Amino acid sequence: MPLEMMIECVDMPQAAMERQTRQVNVRGDWLPFVSLRELFGLPPAAGPEFVVIVHYGDKRAGIVVDRLMGEVQAVIKPLGDIFRSLRGISGSTILGNGKPALVLDVPQLIHHACRRERRRIRQASETPASDMI
């Protein structure tokens, strides 16, 4: 993911993944988050996960990842037409070891996390109190 959009990385609280809401409390601020494993239809992680807090404009959100690889300088190539519908990916690059890597579309992921959380809140407010018992 582009380094200029990253704010910080924190350990993912296990309770946040178990709750219905997709928000994480980072020093008193509740932020929506998106799990890359869920987004890409992968099985649950075997080990600990991390939340990378990212920003775009005035919006902030978390992106849940399995591990952190470090910082690399990369030339980013746009995806071809065949991959245009791929959610959450903005391009690709070749790493120093020769392996390909996909570049996350942080603005799209933030928008997805915020939209999903707004929809969940709206649905909860529309549910009659008698249905919540």
Protein backbone atom coordinates (compact mmCIF):
# COMPACT_ATOMS: atom_id res chain seq x y z
CA MET A 1 0.00 0.00 0.00
CA PRO A 2 1.25 3.52 -0.64
CA LEU A 3 3.32 4.67 2.33
CA GLU A 4 2.03 8.26 2.21
CA MET A 5 -1.48 6.99 3.03
CA MET A 6 -0.38 5.01 6.10
CA ILE A 7 -0.66 6.54 9.56
CA GLU A 8 0.32 3.67 11.85
CA CYS A 9 -0.01 -0.05 12.51
CA VAL A 10 -1.47 -1.62 15.65
CA ASP A 11 -2.19 -5.15 16.84
CA MET A 12 -5.71 -6.26 15.92
CA PRO A 13 -7.82 -6.74 19.06
CA GLN A 14 -9.40 -10.21 18.85
CA ALA A 15 -12.69 -8.83 20.20
CA ALA A 16 -13.00 -6.51 17.17
CA MET A 17 -13.07 -9.45 14.73
CA GLU A 18 -15.67 -11.30 16.81
CA ARG A 19 -18.12 -8.38 17.03
CA GLN A 20 -20.87 -7.75 14.50
CA THR A 21 -19.59 -4.23 13.85
CA ARG A 22 -16.49 -3.69 11.81
CA GLN A 23 -14.94 -0.94 13.90
CA VAL A 24 -11.77 -0.84 15.96
CA ASN A 25 -11.00 1.52 18.84
CA VAL A 26 -7.62 3.19 18.38
CA ARG A 27 -6.83 5.42 21.35
CA GLY A 28 -10.46 6.46 21.79
CA ASP A 29 -11.29 6.88 18.09
CA TRP A 30 -13.65 4.33 16.54
CA LEU A 31 -12.56 3.58 12.97
CA PRO A 32 -14.24 1.33 10.42
CA PHE A 33 -12.02 -1.40 9.06
CA VAL A 34 -11.94 -3.90 6.23
CA SER A 35 -10.29 -7.30 6.47
CA LEU A 36 -8.36 -8.21 3.33
CA ARG A 37 -8.99 -11.91 4.06
CA GLU A 38 -12.76 -11.31 4.07
CA LEU A 39 -12.63 -9.03 1.04
CA PHE A 40 -10.73 -11.57 -1.05
CA GLY A 41 -12.62 -14.63 0.29
CA LEU A 42 -9.67 -16.21 2.10
CA PRO A 43 -9.93 -18.46 5.17
CA PRO A 44 -9.42 -16.93 8.64
CA ALA A 45 -5.86 -16.14 9.66
CA ALA A 46 -3.96 -18.73 11.69
CA GLY A 47 -1.92 -16.18 13.63
CA PRO A 48 -2.22 -12.64 14.92
CA GLU A 49 -3.40 -9.88 12.62
CA PHE A 50 -2.58 -6.19 12.42
CA VAL A 51 -4.61 -3.10 11.60
CA VAL A 52 -2.92 -0.59 9.34
CA ILE A 53 -4.56 2.79 9.90
CA VAL A 54 -4.76 4.65 6.60
CA HIS A 55 -6.13 7.98 5.46
CA TYR A 56 -7.35 9.55 2.26
CA GLY A 57 -8.51 13.16 2.36
CA ASP A 58 -10.33 13.64 5.67
CA LYS A 59 -11.33 9.98 6.05
CA ARG A 60 -9.52 7.34 8.08
CA ALA A 61 -10.04 3.59 8.30
CA GLY A 62 -8.22 0.39 9.15
CA ILE A 63 -7.05 -2.36 6.83
CA VAL A 64 -6.56 -5.72 8.54
CA VAL A 65 -3.47 -7.60 7.33
CA ASP A 66 -1.70 -10.85 8.33
CA ARG A 67 1.82 -9.49 8.37
CA LEU A 68 3.93 -6.49 7.56
CA MET A 69 6.65 -6.92 4.98
CA GLY A 70 8.48 -3.62 5.28
CA GLU A 71 9.02 -0.65 3.05
CA VAL A 72 10.10 -0.89 -0.59
CA GLN A 73 10.39 1.60 -3.40
CA ALA A 74 8.44 0.38 -6.39
CA VAL A 75 7.37 1.39 -9.84
CA ILE A 76 3.62 0.84 -9.97
CA LYS A 77 2.05 -0.36 -13.17
CA PRO A 78 -1.71 -0.02 -13.75
CA LEU A 79 -3.70 -3.23 -14.11
CA GLY A 80 -4.79 -4.29 -17.57
CA ASP A 81 -8.39 -4.11 -18.75
CA ILE A 82 -9.02 -7.72 -17.77
CA PHE A 83 -8.43 -6.86 -14.09
CA ARG A 84 -10.37 -3.56 -13.95
CA SER A 85 -13.19 -5.11 -11.91
CA LEU A 86 -10.80 -6.39 -9.22
CA ARG A 87 -11.91 -4.73 -5.96
CA GLY A 88 -9.36 -3.03 -3.76
CA ILE A 89 -6.38 -3.29 -6.13
CA SER A 90 -5.01 -0.31 -8.03
CA GLY A 91 -1.91 -1.71 -9.70
CA SER A 92 1.01 -4.08 -9.55
CA THR A 93 4.77 -4.05 -9.23
CA ILE A 94 7.72 -6.42 -9.29
CA LEU A 95 9.57 -6.69 -5.97
CA GLY A 96 13.35 -6.76 -5.65
CA ASN A 97 13.28 -10.56 -5.36
CA GLY A 98 11.46 -10.81 -8.73
CA LYS A 99 8.06 -11.70 -7.28
CA PRO A 100 4.97 -9.78 -8.40
CA ALA A 101 2.99 -7.78 -5.83
CA LEU A 102 -0.41 -6.12 -6.01
CA VAL A 103 -0.85 -2.54 -4.82
CA LEU A 104 -3.89 -1.82 -2.66
CA ASP A 105 -6.37 0.87 -3.70
CA VAL A 106 -6.52 2.61 -0.31
CA PRO A 107 -9.18 5.22 -1.25
CA GLN A 108 -11.48 2.45 -2.51
CA LEU A 109 -10.90 0.34 0.63
CA ILE A 110 -11.63 3.31 2.92
CA HIS A 111 -14.80 4.06 0.97
CA HIS A 112 -15.85 0.40 1.21
CA ALA A 113 -15.27 0.25 5.00
CA CYS A 114 -17.11 3.53 5.66
CA ARG A 115 -20.04 2.65 3.37
CA ARG A 116 -20.46 -0.78 4.95
CA GLU A 117 -20.45 0.67 8.47
CA ARG A 118 -22.96 3.42 7.54
CA ARG A 119 -25.24 0.75 6.05
CA ARG A 120 -24.97 -1.38 9.21
CA ILE A 121 -25.81 1.62 11.43
CA ARG A 122 -28.76 2.57 9.22
CA GLN A 123 -30.13 -0.98 9.30
CA ALA A 124 -29.75 -1.14 13.08
CA SER A 125 -31.65 2.15 13.50
CA GLU A 126 -34.48 0.89 11.27
CA THR A 127 -34.90 -2.35 13.27
CA PRO A 128 -37.92 -2.03 15.62
CA ALA A 129 -37.08 -2.45 19.32
CA SER A 130 -39.37 -5.51 19.51
CA ASP A 131 -37.15 -7.28 16.94
CA MET A 132 -34.02 -6.69 19.01
CA ILE A 133 -35.21 -8.73 22.03
